Structure formats: structure tokens, C-alpha cells
Amino acid sequence: MDITFGGNKVNLEGKEIKVGDVAPSFKAIKRDLSDFNSDDLKGKIVVYSVAPSIDTPVCALQATTFNEEATKLSDDVKIVTVTVDLPFAQERFCSVKGIENADIVSDYKYKEFGKKFGFMIEEFQLLARGVVIVDRDGKVAYVEYVPEVTHDVNFDKALEEVKKLK
């Protein structure tokens, strides 16, 4: 799979995740600096919204759009935005943007999400942009690796896939 960042080819660390794979367990850091454990979401439909940094316009749009859409989904659907931003920056962003319906976690410390799901950009230690949807049984139901990291995810397709799982 070819991924570019600003038109330049980059390498992703880890194994590319595919539909049908069992979603790997991972740890990340919550905005309050406590550990996030993906196993705590078993039994729910989980939308992992993956972005390099919330401090860019495209990433901010992605986080705020999924936050807005979360209010329209059922309680058994969890939106989790994953970036490598420090939790302090994530907290500031959420406060300014009113993010209340989606969780934002940081992969800066463990880098488990990036490497286990194949989103870690080797050259920058940032995450590539994309979406991974995990069903109630812990299997990957949808994956999008955005070919050019500076472009948007396909929101409509991701949300359509979530609705199929409900």
C-alpha cells in the first residue's frame, strides 16, 4: 500500500490491518494521563478515527465531524480518535472545540495502536490518517488508510459501515 505525506512516499510500521482480522488489543493514554485499554470496549462497535495531529485543519475537521456524528449513533457505538499528540494538547483541543461525545487518546507513549494497526509513519513517528471500525465481536469490519495523509477520510463510507453493524 502506498501512502504519501505532502506528496512524498512514507513507510508505515507494523502490519496492515484488514477487514476480518481480530482487532489487536492496545494501550494508549487518556487526556487525564491514565491508561486507555481497548479491551474495555469489547462488546461495542468502535470507530477508531486515526489522525497525525489534532492541531491541523484536516485533523480538527475529522475529530469534530466524528464527535458530531457520535450524537446520532446508538450508545453501543464508541468513537475513539487516536493521535500522537500529548494529552495536554488533546485536552485543550477538546475544550476549545466542545468535544464531548468522542474520546481522544494519545499513542505517544506506547505507540501500540500505530504499530499493531499499521498506521505508524516510520519517518515522522506520527500516525497516518484513516478509520478502523471494529464490530461487537472484536473483528475489523472496515478499514480506510487515506492514500495522502493530508486528505480527508471518507466520512460517509465510514458512517454507512457503522450503520450496517447496528
N, C-alpha and C. Protein backbone atom coordinates (compact mmCIF):
# COMPACT_ATOMS: atom_id res chain seq x y z
N MET A 1 0.85 -1.17 0.00
CA MET A 1 0.00 0.00 0.00
C MET A 1 0.90 1.24 0.00
N ASP A 2 0.59 2.17 -0.87
CA ASP A 2 1.37 3.40 -0.96
C ASP A 2 0.66 4.52 -0.22
N ILE A 3 1.38 5.13 0.72
CA ILE A 3 0.88 6.27 1.48
C ILE A 3 1.85 7.42 1.25
N THR A 4 1.29 8.60 1.03
CA THR A 4 2.13 9.79 0.90
C THR A 4 1.74 10.81 1.96
N PHE A 5 2.71 11.64 2.29
CA PHE A 5 2.51 12.74 3.23
C PHE A 5 3.05 13.98 2.53
N GLY A 6 2.16 14.87 2.15
CA GLY A 6 2.57 16.06 1.40
C GLY A 6 3.17 15.71 0.05
N GLY A 7 2.69 14.58 -0.53
CA GLY A 7 3.15 14.15 -1.83
C GLY A 7 4.38 13.26 -1.80
N ASN A 8 5.00 13.10 -0.64
CA ASN A 8 6.19 12.27 -0.51
C ASN A 8 5.83 10.91 0.09
N LYS A 9 6.32 9.85 -0.54
CA LYS A 9 6.04 8.50 -0.07
C LYS A 9 6.62 8.30 1.33
N VAL A 10 5.84 7.66 2.20
CA VAL A 10 6.28 7.33 3.56
C VAL A 10 6.10 5.84 3.79
N ASN A 11 6.78 5.34 4.80
CA ASN A 11 6.69 3.93 5.17
C ASN A 11 5.90 3.79 6.45
N LEU A 12 5.02 2.79 6.48
CA LEU A 12 4.25 2.53 7.68
C LEU A 12 4.85 1.34 8.42
N GLU A 13 4.97 1.48 9.73
CA GLU A 13 5.47 0.40 10.57
C GLU A 13 4.31 -0.51 10.94
N GLY A 14 4.61 -1.77 11.17
CA GLY A 14 3.60 -2.72 11.59
C GLY A 14 2.92 -3.36 10.40
N LYS A 15 1.98 -4.23 10.73
CA LYS A 15 1.25 -4.99 9.72
C LYS A 15 -0.04 -4.27 9.36
N GLU A 16 -0.30 -4.16 8.08
CA GLU A 16 -1.55 -3.55 7.62
C GLU A 16 -2.73 -4.35 8.16
N ILE A 17 -3.66 -3.65 8.80
CA ILE A 17 -4.87 -4.31 9.33
C ILE A 17 -5.87 -4.46 8.19
N LYS A 18 -6.61 -5.56 8.19
CA LYS A 18 -7.56 -5.82 7.11
C LYS A 18 -8.91 -6.23 7.67
N VAL A 19 -9.94 -6.03 6.87
CA VAL A 19 -11.28 -6.47 7.25
C VAL A 19 -11.23 -7.97 7.53
N GLY A 20 -11.85 -8.37 8.63
CA GLY A 20 -11.88 -9.77 9.04
C GLY A 20 -10.84 -10.11 10.09
N ASP A 21 -9.79 -9.27 10.22
CA ASP A 21 -8.78 -9.51 11.26
C ASP A 21 -9.40 -9.30 12.64
N VAL A 22 -8.87 -9.99 13.62
CA VAL A 22 -9.22 -9.69 15.01
C VAL A 22 -8.45 -8.42 15.37
N ALA A 23 -9.16 -7.44 15.89
CA ALA A 23 -8.51 -6.18 16.24
C ALA A 23 -7.55 -6.40 17.41
N PRO A 24 -6.29 -6.01 17.25
CA PRO A 24 -5.34 -6.20 18.34
C PRO A 24 -5.70 -5.32 19.55
N SER A 25 -5.43 -5.83 20.73
CA SER A 25 -5.58 -5.03 21.94
C SER A 25 -4.44 -4.03 21.99
N PHE A 26 -4.71 -2.85 22.54
CA PHE A 26 -3.65 -1.86 22.67
C PHE A 26 -3.92 -0.94 23.85
N LYS A 27 -2.86 -0.32 24.33
CA LYS A 27 -2.94 0.70 25.36
C LYS A 27 -2.58 2.04 24.74
N ALA A 28 -3.19 3.08 25.26
CA ALA A 28 -2.87 4.46 24.89
C ALA A 28 -3.05 5.30 26.15
N ILE A 29 -2.94 6.59 26.00
CA ILE A 29 -3.06 7.49 27.16
C ILE A 29 -4.28 8.40 26.97
N LYS A 30 -5.11 8.47 28.01
CA LYS A 30 -6.27 9.36 28.00
C LYS A 30 -5.83 10.79 28.31
N ARG A 31 -6.73 11.71 28.12
CA ARG A 31 -6.43 13.13 28.36
C ARG A 31 -6.09 13.40 29.81
N ASP A 32 -6.56 12.56 30.76
CA ASP A 32 -6.23 12.76 32.18
C ASP A 32 -4.96 12.02 32.58
N LEU A 33 -4.21 11.52 31.59
CA LEU A 33 -2.94 10.81 31.74
C LEU A 33 -3.09 9.38 32.26
N SER A 34 -4.30 8.89 32.41
CA SER A 34 -4.50 7.49 32.78
C SER A 34 -4.43 6.63 31.53
N ASP A 35 -4.28 5.33 31.74
CA ASP A 35 -4.21 4.42 30.60
C ASP A 35 -5.58 4.16 29.99
N PHE A 36 -5.62 4.13 28.69
CA PHE A 36 -6.77 3.67 27.91
C PHE A 36 -6.44 2.25 27.49
N ASN A 37 -7.39 1.33 27.68
CA ASN A 37 -7.20 -0.05 27.27
C ASN A 37 -8.33 -0.43 26.32
N SER A 38 -7.98 -0.79 25.11
CA SER A 38 -9.01 -1.09 24.10
C SER A 38 -9.89 -2.26 24.52
N ASP A 39 -9.38 -3.14 25.37
CA ASP A 39 -10.19 -4.29 25.82
C ASP A 39 -11.43 -3.83 26.59
N ASP A 40 -11.39 -2.64 27.16
CA ASP A 40 -12.55 -2.12 27.90
C ASP A 40 -13.74 -1.84 27.00
N LEU A 41 -13.54 -1.84 25.68
CA LEU A 41 -14.62 -1.55 24.74
C LEU A 41 -15.20 -2.80 24.09
N LYS A 42 -14.77 -3.97 24.55
CA LYS A 42 -15.30 -5.21 23.97
C LYS A 42 -16.81 -5.25 24.10
N GLY A 43 -17.46 -5.73 23.06
CA GLY A 43 -18.91 -5.79 23.05
C GLY A 43 -19.56 -4.56 22.43
N LYS A 44 -18.78 -3.55 22.14
CA LYS A 44 -19.28 -2.34 21.49
C LYS A 44 -18.75 -2.27 20.06
N ILE A 45 -19.43 -1.49 19.24
CA ILE A 45 -18.91 -1.15 17.92
C ILE A 45 -17.98 0.04 18.15
N VAL A 46 -16.74 -0.06 17.68
CA VAL A 46 -15.76 1.01 17.93
C VAL A 46 -15.28 1.58 16.60
N VAL A 47 -15.35 2.89 16.50
CA VAL A 47 -14.81 3.61 15.35
C VAL A 47 -13.53 4.28 15.80
N TYR A 48 -12.39 3.78 15.30
CA TYR A 48 -11.11 4.43 15.57
C TYR A 48 -10.86 5.42 14.44
N SER A 49 -10.90 6.68 14.79
CA SER A 49 -10.61 7.76 13.86
C SER A 49 -9.14 8.11 14.06
N VAL A 50 -8.32 7.84 13.07
CA VAL A 50 -6.86 7.93 13.22
C VAL A 50 -6.35 9.16 12.48
N ALA A 51 -5.53 9.95 13.18
CA ALA A 51 -5.03 11.20 12.58
C ALA A 51 -3.63 11.51 13.10
N PRO A 52 -2.83 12.24 12.33
CA PRO A 52 -1.48 12.60 12.78
C PRO A 52 -1.48 13.56 13.98
N SER A 53 -2.24 14.65 13.89
CA SER A 53 -2.24 15.66 14.95
C SER A 53 -3.52 16.48 14.88
N ILE A 54 -4.12 16.69 16.03
CA ILE A 54 -5.35 17.48 16.07
C ILE A 54 -5.11 18.96 15.81
N ASP A 55 -3.85 19.37 15.76
CA ASP A 55 -3.52 20.77 15.53
C ASP A 55 -3.38 21.14 14.06
N THR A 56 -4.01 20.37 13.19
CA THR A 56 -4.04 20.72 11.77
C THR A 56 -5.50 20.81 11.35
N PRO A 57 -5.82 21.61 10.35
CA PRO A 57 -7.22 21.78 9.96
C PRO A 57 -7.92 20.47 9.55
N VAL A 58 -7.24 19.62 8.81
CA VAL A 58 -7.87 18.36 8.35
C VAL A 58 -8.14 17.44 9.54
N CYS A 59 -7.18 17.35 10.45
CA CYS A 59 -7.35 16.51 11.64
C CYS A 59 -8.45 17.06 12.55
N ALA A 60 -8.49 18.38 12.70
CA ALA A 60 -9.52 19.00 13.53
C ALA A 60 -10.90 18.73 12.95
N LEU A 61 -11.02 18.83 11.63
CA LEU A 61 -12.30 18.53 10.98
C LEU A 61 -12.70 17.07 11.22
N GLN A 62 -11.74 16.18 11.12
CA GLN A 62 -12.03 14.76 11.33
C GLN A 62 -12.53 14.51 12.76
N ALA A 63 -11.85 15.07 13.74
CA ALA A 63 -12.25 14.87 15.14
C ALA A 63 -13.60 15.49 15.44
N THR A 64 -13.84 16.70 14.95
CA THR A 64 -15.11 17.36 15.24
C THR A 64 -16.27 16.72 14.48
N THR A 65 -16.03 16.26 13.26
CA THR A 65 -17.10 15.60 12.49
C THR A 65 -17.52 14.31 13.17
N PHE A 66 -16.56 13.49 13.57
CA PHE A 66 -16.94 12.24 14.25
C PHE A 66 -17.58 12.51 15.60
N ASN A 67 -17.17 13.58 16.30
CA ASN A 67 -17.82 13.96 17.54
C ASN A 67 -19.29 14.29 17.30
N GLU A 68 -19.57 15.09 16.25
CA GLU A 68 -20.96 15.44 15.92
C GLU A 68 -21.76 14.20 15.54
N GLU A 69 -21.17 13.32 14.74
CA GLU A 69 -21.88 12.12 14.30
C GLU A 69 -22.15 11.17 15.45
N ALA A 70 -21.30 11.19 16.46
CA ALA A 70 -21.47 10.29 17.61
C ALA A 70 -22.81 10.51 18.29
N THR A 71 -23.31 11.74 18.27
CA THR A 71 -24.59 12.04 18.91
C THR A 71 -25.75 11.38 18.18
N LYS A 72 -25.55 11.02 16.92
CA LYS A 72 -26.62 10.42 16.11
C LYS A 72 -26.59 8.90 16.15
N LEU A 73 -25.56 8.34 16.77
CA LEU A 73 -25.39 6.89 16.80
C LEU A 73 -25.89 6.33 18.13
N SER A 74 -26.10 5.04 18.18
CA SER A 74 -26.60 4.42 19.42
C SER A 74 -25.50 4.35 20.48
N ASP A 75 -25.92 4.05 21.70
CA ASP A 75 -24.99 4.02 22.83
C ASP A 75 -23.97 2.90 22.72
N ASP A 76 -24.23 1.90 21.88
CA ASP A 76 -23.26 0.81 21.76
C ASP A 76 -22.20 1.08 20.70
N VAL A 77 -22.16 2.32 20.18
CA VAL A 77 -21.11 2.73 19.24
C VAL A 77 -20.22 3.74 19.96
N LYS A 78 -18.92 3.46 19.94
CA LYS A 78 -17.95 4.32 20.61
C LYS A 78 -17.00 4.89 19.56
N ILE A 79 -16.84 6.21 19.57
CA ILE A 79 -15.89 6.88 18.68
C ILE A 79 -14.62 7.17 19.50
N VAL A 80 -13.48 6.74 18.99
CA VAL A 80 -12.20 6.99 19.65
C VAL A 80 -11.24 7.57 18.61
N THR A 81 -10.86 8.83 18.81
CA THR A 81 -9.86 9.45 17.95
C THR A 81 -8.50 9.13 18.54
N VAL A 82 -7.58 8.68 17.68
CA VAL A 82 -6.23 8.33 18.12
C VAL A 82 -5.24 9.21 17.37
N THR A 83 -4.40 9.94 18.13
CA THR A 83 -3.31 10.73 17.56
C THR A 83 -2.08 10.50 18.44
N VAL A 84 -0.95 11.09 18.07
CA VAL A 84 0.22 11.03 18.95
C VAL A 84 0.43 12.36 19.68
N ASP A 85 -0.55 13.24 19.61
CA ASP A 85 -0.47 14.50 20.36
C ASP A 85 -0.37 14.19 21.86
N LEU A 86 0.28 15.07 22.59
CA LEU A 86 0.31 14.91 24.03
C LEU A 86 -1.10 15.11 24.59
N PRO A 87 -1.44 14.43 25.68
CA PRO A 87 -2.77 14.58 26.27
C PRO A 87 -3.14 16.02 26.62
N PHE A 88 -2.15 16.84 26.95
CA PHE A 88 -2.44 18.25 27.28
C PHE A 88 -2.99 18.99 26.05
N ALA A 89 -2.39 18.73 24.90
CA ALA A 89 -2.88 19.34 23.66
C ALA A 89 -4.26 18.81 23.31
N GLN A 90 -4.47 17.52 23.52
CA GLN A 90 -5.79 16.93 23.24
C GLN A 90 -6.85 17.55 24.15
N GLU A 91 -6.52 17.75 25.42
CA GLU A 91 -7.47 18.35 26.36
C GLU A 91 -7.81 19.77 25.95
N ARG A 92 -6.79 20.54 25.57
CA ARG A 92 -7.02 21.92 25.12
C ARG A 92 -7.93 21.93 23.90
N PHE A 93 -7.63 21.07 22.93
CA PHE A 93 -8.42 20.97 21.70
C PHE A 93 -9.88 20.64 22.03
N CYS A 94 -10.09 19.64 22.87
CA CYS A 94 -11.46 19.23 23.21
C CYS A 94 -12.21 20.34 23.92
N SER A 95 -11.54 21.08 24.79
CA SER A 95 -12.18 22.20 25.49
C SER A 95 -12.59 23.30 24.51
N VAL A 96 -11.69 23.65 23.59
CA VAL A 96 -11.96 24.71 22.62
C VAL A 96 -13.05 24.30 21.64
N LYS A 97 -13.01 23.05 21.18
CA LYS A 97 -13.93 22.58 20.14
C LYS A 97 -15.20 21.95 20.69
N GLY A 98 -15.31 21.80 21.99
CA GLY A 98 -16.51 21.22 22.58
C GLY A 98 -16.67 19.73 22.30
N ILE A 99 -15.57 19.02 22.26
CA ILE A 99 -15.62 17.57 22.01
C ILE A 99 -16.08 16.89 23.29
N GLU A 100 -17.28 16.34 23.25
CA GLU A 100 -17.86 15.70 24.43
C GLU A 100 -18.35 14.29 24.15
N ASN A 101 -18.57 13.96 22.89
CA ASN A 101 -19.21 12.70 22.55
C ASN A 101 -18.25 11.63 22.05
N ALA A 102 -17.01 12.00 21.84
CA ALA A 102 -16.00 11.06 21.36
C ALA A 102 -14.79 11.14 22.28
N ASP A 103 -14.09 10.03 22.41
CA ASP A 103 -12.87 10.03 23.20
C ASP A 103 -11.69 10.33 22.29
N ILE A 104 -10.70 11.02 22.83
CA ILE A 104 -9.45 11.24 22.11
C ILE A 104 -8.35 10.68 22.99
N VAL A 105 -7.57 9.77 22.42
CA VAL A 105 -6.47 9.16 23.17
C VAL A 105 -5.17 9.36 22.42
N SER A 106 -4.07 9.30 23.18
CA SER A 106 -2.75 9.54 22.61
C SER A 106 -1.95 8.25 22.53
N ASP A 107 -1.32 8.06 21.39
CA ASP A 107 -0.46 6.91 21.15
C ASP A 107 1.02 7.29 21.33
N TYR A 108 1.27 8.47 21.93
CA TYR A 108 2.65 8.97 22.02
C TYR A 108 3.54 8.08 22.89
N LYS A 109 3.01 7.50 23.95
CA LYS A 109 3.84 6.78 24.92
C LYS A 109 4.13 5.34 24.49
N TYR A 110 3.07 4.60 24.19
CA TYR A 110 3.24 3.18 23.89
C TYR A 110 3.40 2.89 22.39
N LYS A 111 2.80 3.73 21.58
CA LYS A 111 2.81 3.55 20.12
C LYS A 111 2.26 2.18 19.71
N GLU A 112 1.42 1.62 20.56
CA GLU A 112 0.86 0.30 20.28
C GLU A 112 -0.18 0.34 19.16
N PHE A 113 -1.04 1.35 19.18
CA PHE A 113 -2.05 1.41 18.11
C PHE A 113 -1.35 1.52 16.76
N GLY A 114 -0.47 2.50 16.64
CA GLY A 114 0.20 2.75 15.37
C GLY A 114 0.90 1.53 14.81
N LYS A 115 1.58 0.81 15.66
CA LYS A 115 2.34 -0.35 15.19
C LYS A 115 1.48 -1.59 15.01
N LYS A 116 0.53 -1.82 15.91
CA LYS A 116 -0.31 -3.02 15.81
C LYS A 116 -1.34 -2.92 14.69
N PHE A 117 -1.75 -1.68 14.36
CA PHE A 117 -2.74 -1.48 13.30
C PHE A 117 -2.09 -1.02 12.00
N GLY A 118 -0.77 -0.84 11.99
CA GLY A 118 -0.06 -0.47 10.77
C GLY A 118 -0.25 0.96 10.32
N PHE A 119 -0.39 1.88 11.27
CA PHE A 119 -0.60 3.30 10.94
C PHE A 119 0.58 4.20 11.30
N MET A 120 1.62 3.66 11.92
CA MET A 120 2.74 4.50 12.36
C MET A 120 3.65 4.84 11.18
N ILE A 121 3.77 6.14 10.92
CA ILE A 121 4.66 6.61 9.85
C ILE A 121 6.09 6.57 10.39
N GLU A 122 6.87 5.68 9.82
CA GLU A 122 8.24 5.46 10.28
C GLU A 122 9.06 6.74 10.31
N GLU A 123 8.98 7.54 9.27
CA GLU A 123 9.82 8.73 9.14
C GLU A 123 9.51 9.81 10.17
N PHE A 124 8.28 9.92 10.62
CA PHE A 124 7.87 11.02 11.49
C PHE A 124 7.38 10.59 12.86
N GLN A 125 7.13 9.30 13.05
CA GLN A 125 6.52 8.79 14.28
C GLN A 125 5.19 9.48 14.55
N LEU A 126 4.48 9.77 13.48
CA LEU A 126 3.09 10.25 13.51
C LEU A 126 2.22 9.15 12.95
N LEU A 127 0.93 9.23 13.19
CA LEU A 127 0.01 8.25 12.62
C LEU A 127 -0.46 8.72 11.25
N ALA A 128 -0.62 7.78 10.35
CA ALA A 128 -1.25 8.06 9.06
C ALA A 128 -2.74 8.32 9.33
N ARG A 129 -3.43 8.88 8.35
CA ARG A 129 -4.84 9.17 8.52
C ARG A 129 -5.69 7.98 8.06
N GLY A 130 -6.74 7.72 8.81
CA GLY A 130 -7.63 6.64 8.41
C GLY A 130 -8.74 6.38 9.41
N VAL A 131 -9.43 5.30 9.17
CA VAL A 131 -10.54 4.86 10.03
C VAL A 131 -10.49 3.34 10.12
N VAL A 132 -10.69 2.84 11.33
CA VAL A 132 -10.84 1.40 11.54
C VAL A 132 -12.11 1.21 12.35
N ILE A 133 -13.01 0.36 11.85
CA ILE A 133 -14.24 0.07 12.58
C ILE A 133 -14.17 -1.39 13.04
N VAL A 134 -14.40 -1.58 14.34
CA VAL A 134 -14.35 -2.90 14.95
C VAL A 134 -15.76 -3.25 15.41
N ASP A 135 -16.22 -4.47 15.06
CA ASP A 135 -17.57 -4.88 15.43
C ASP A 135 -17.63 -5.36 16.88
N ARG A 136 -18.81 -5.73 17.34
CA ARG A 136 -19.02 -6.15 18.72
C ARG A 136 -18.20 -7.38 19.10
N ASP A 137 -17.86 -8.18 18.10
CA ASP A 137 -17.09 -9.40 18.35
C ASP A 137 -15.58 -9.17 18.29
N GLY A 138 -15.17 -7.93 18.11
CA GLY A 138 -13.74 -7.62 18.09
C GLY A 138 -13.07 -7.83 16.74
N LYS A 139 -13.87 -7.98 15.70
CA LYS A 139 -13.31 -8.15 14.36
C LYS A 139 -13.38 -6.84 13.59
N VAL A 140 -12.37 -6.64 12.75
CA VAL A 140 -12.32 -5.44 11.93
C VAL A 140 -13.38 -5.56 10.83
N ALA A 141 -14.29 -4.59 10.80
CA ALA A 141 -15.38 -4.59 9.83
C ALA A 141 -15.13 -3.62 8.67
N TYR A 142 -14.26 -2.65 8.88
CA TYR A 142 -13.98 -1.63 7.86
C TYR A 142 -12.62 -1.01 8.16
N VAL A 143 -11.87 -0.75 7.10
CA VAL A 143 -10.57 -0.07 7.23
C VAL A 143 -10.42 0.91 6.08
N GLU A 144 -9.94 2.09 6.42
CA GLU A 144 -9.53 3.05 5.39
C GLU A 144 -8.18 3.62 5.79
N TYR A 145 -7.20 3.41 4.94
CA TYR A 145 -5.92 4.11 5.03
C TYR A 145 -6.01 5.19 3.95
N VAL A 146 -6.02 6.45 4.33
CA VAL A 146 -6.11 7.53 3.35
C VAL A 146 -4.78 7.58 2.60
N PRO A 147 -4.81 7.47 1.26
CA PRO A 147 -3.56 7.40 0.49
C PRO A 147 -2.65 8.62 0.65
N GLU A 148 -3.24 9.81 0.78
CA GLU A 148 -2.47 11.04 1.03
C GLU A 148 -2.88 11.55 2.40
N VAL A 149 -1.95 11.53 3.36
CA VAL A 149 -2.25 11.82 4.76
C VAL A 149 -2.90 13.19 4.95
N THR A 150 -2.64 14.13 4.06
CA THR A 150 -3.21 15.48 4.22
C THR A 150 -4.65 15.59 3.70
N HIS A 151 -5.22 14.50 3.21
CA HIS A 151 -6.60 14.50 2.70
C HIS A 151 -7.55 13.93 3.75
N ASP A 152 -8.85 14.19 3.57
CA ASP A 152 -9.89 13.73 4.49
C ASP A 152 -10.17 12.24 4.36
N VAL A 153 -10.68 11.67 5.45
CA VAL A 153 -11.22 10.32 5.39
C VAL A 153 -12.56 10.37 4.66
N ASN A 154 -13.07 9.23 4.28
CA ASN A 154 -14.38 9.14 3.65
C ASN A 154 -15.43 8.98 4.77
N PHE A 155 -15.89 10.12 5.29
CA PHE A 155 -16.84 10.10 6.41
C PHE A 155 -18.10 9.32 6.07
N ASP A 156 -18.65 9.58 4.90
CA ASP A 156 -19.92 8.93 4.51
C ASP A 156 -19.79 7.41 4.49
N LYS A 157 -18.70 6.92 3.92
CA LYS A 157 -18.50 5.47 3.84
C LYS A 157 -18.33 4.87 5.23
N ALA A 158 -17.54 5.51 6.07
CA ALA A 158 -17.32 5.00 7.43
C ALA A 158 -18.64 4.94 8.20
N LEU A 159 -19.42 6.00 8.13
CA LEU A 159 -20.68 6.03 8.87
C LEU A 159 -21.69 5.03 8.31
N GLU A 160 -21.66 4.83 7.00
CA GLU A 160 -22.51 3.82 6.37
C GLU A 160 -22.14 2.43 6.90
N GLU A 161 -20.86 2.16 7.05
CA GLU A 161 -20.41 0.87 7.57
C GLU A 161 -20.83 0.67 9.02
N VAL A 162 -20.77 1.73 9.83
CA VAL A 162 -21.21 1.64 11.22
C VAL A 162 -22.69 1.28 11.27
N LYS A 163 -23.49 1.92 10.44
CA LYS A 163 -24.94 1.66 10.44
C LYS A 163 -25.27 0.22 10.04
N LYS A 164 -24.45 -0.38 9.21
CA LYS A 164 -24.65 -1.78 8.83
C LYS A 164 -24.49 -2.72 10.02
N LEU A 165 -23.67 -2.31 10.98
CA LEU A 165 -23.37 -3.16 12.14
C LEU A 165 -24.39 -3.04 13.25
N LYS A 166 -25.24 -2.04 13.22
CA LYS A 166 -26.18 -1.78 14.30
C LYS A 166 -27.27 -2.77 14.36
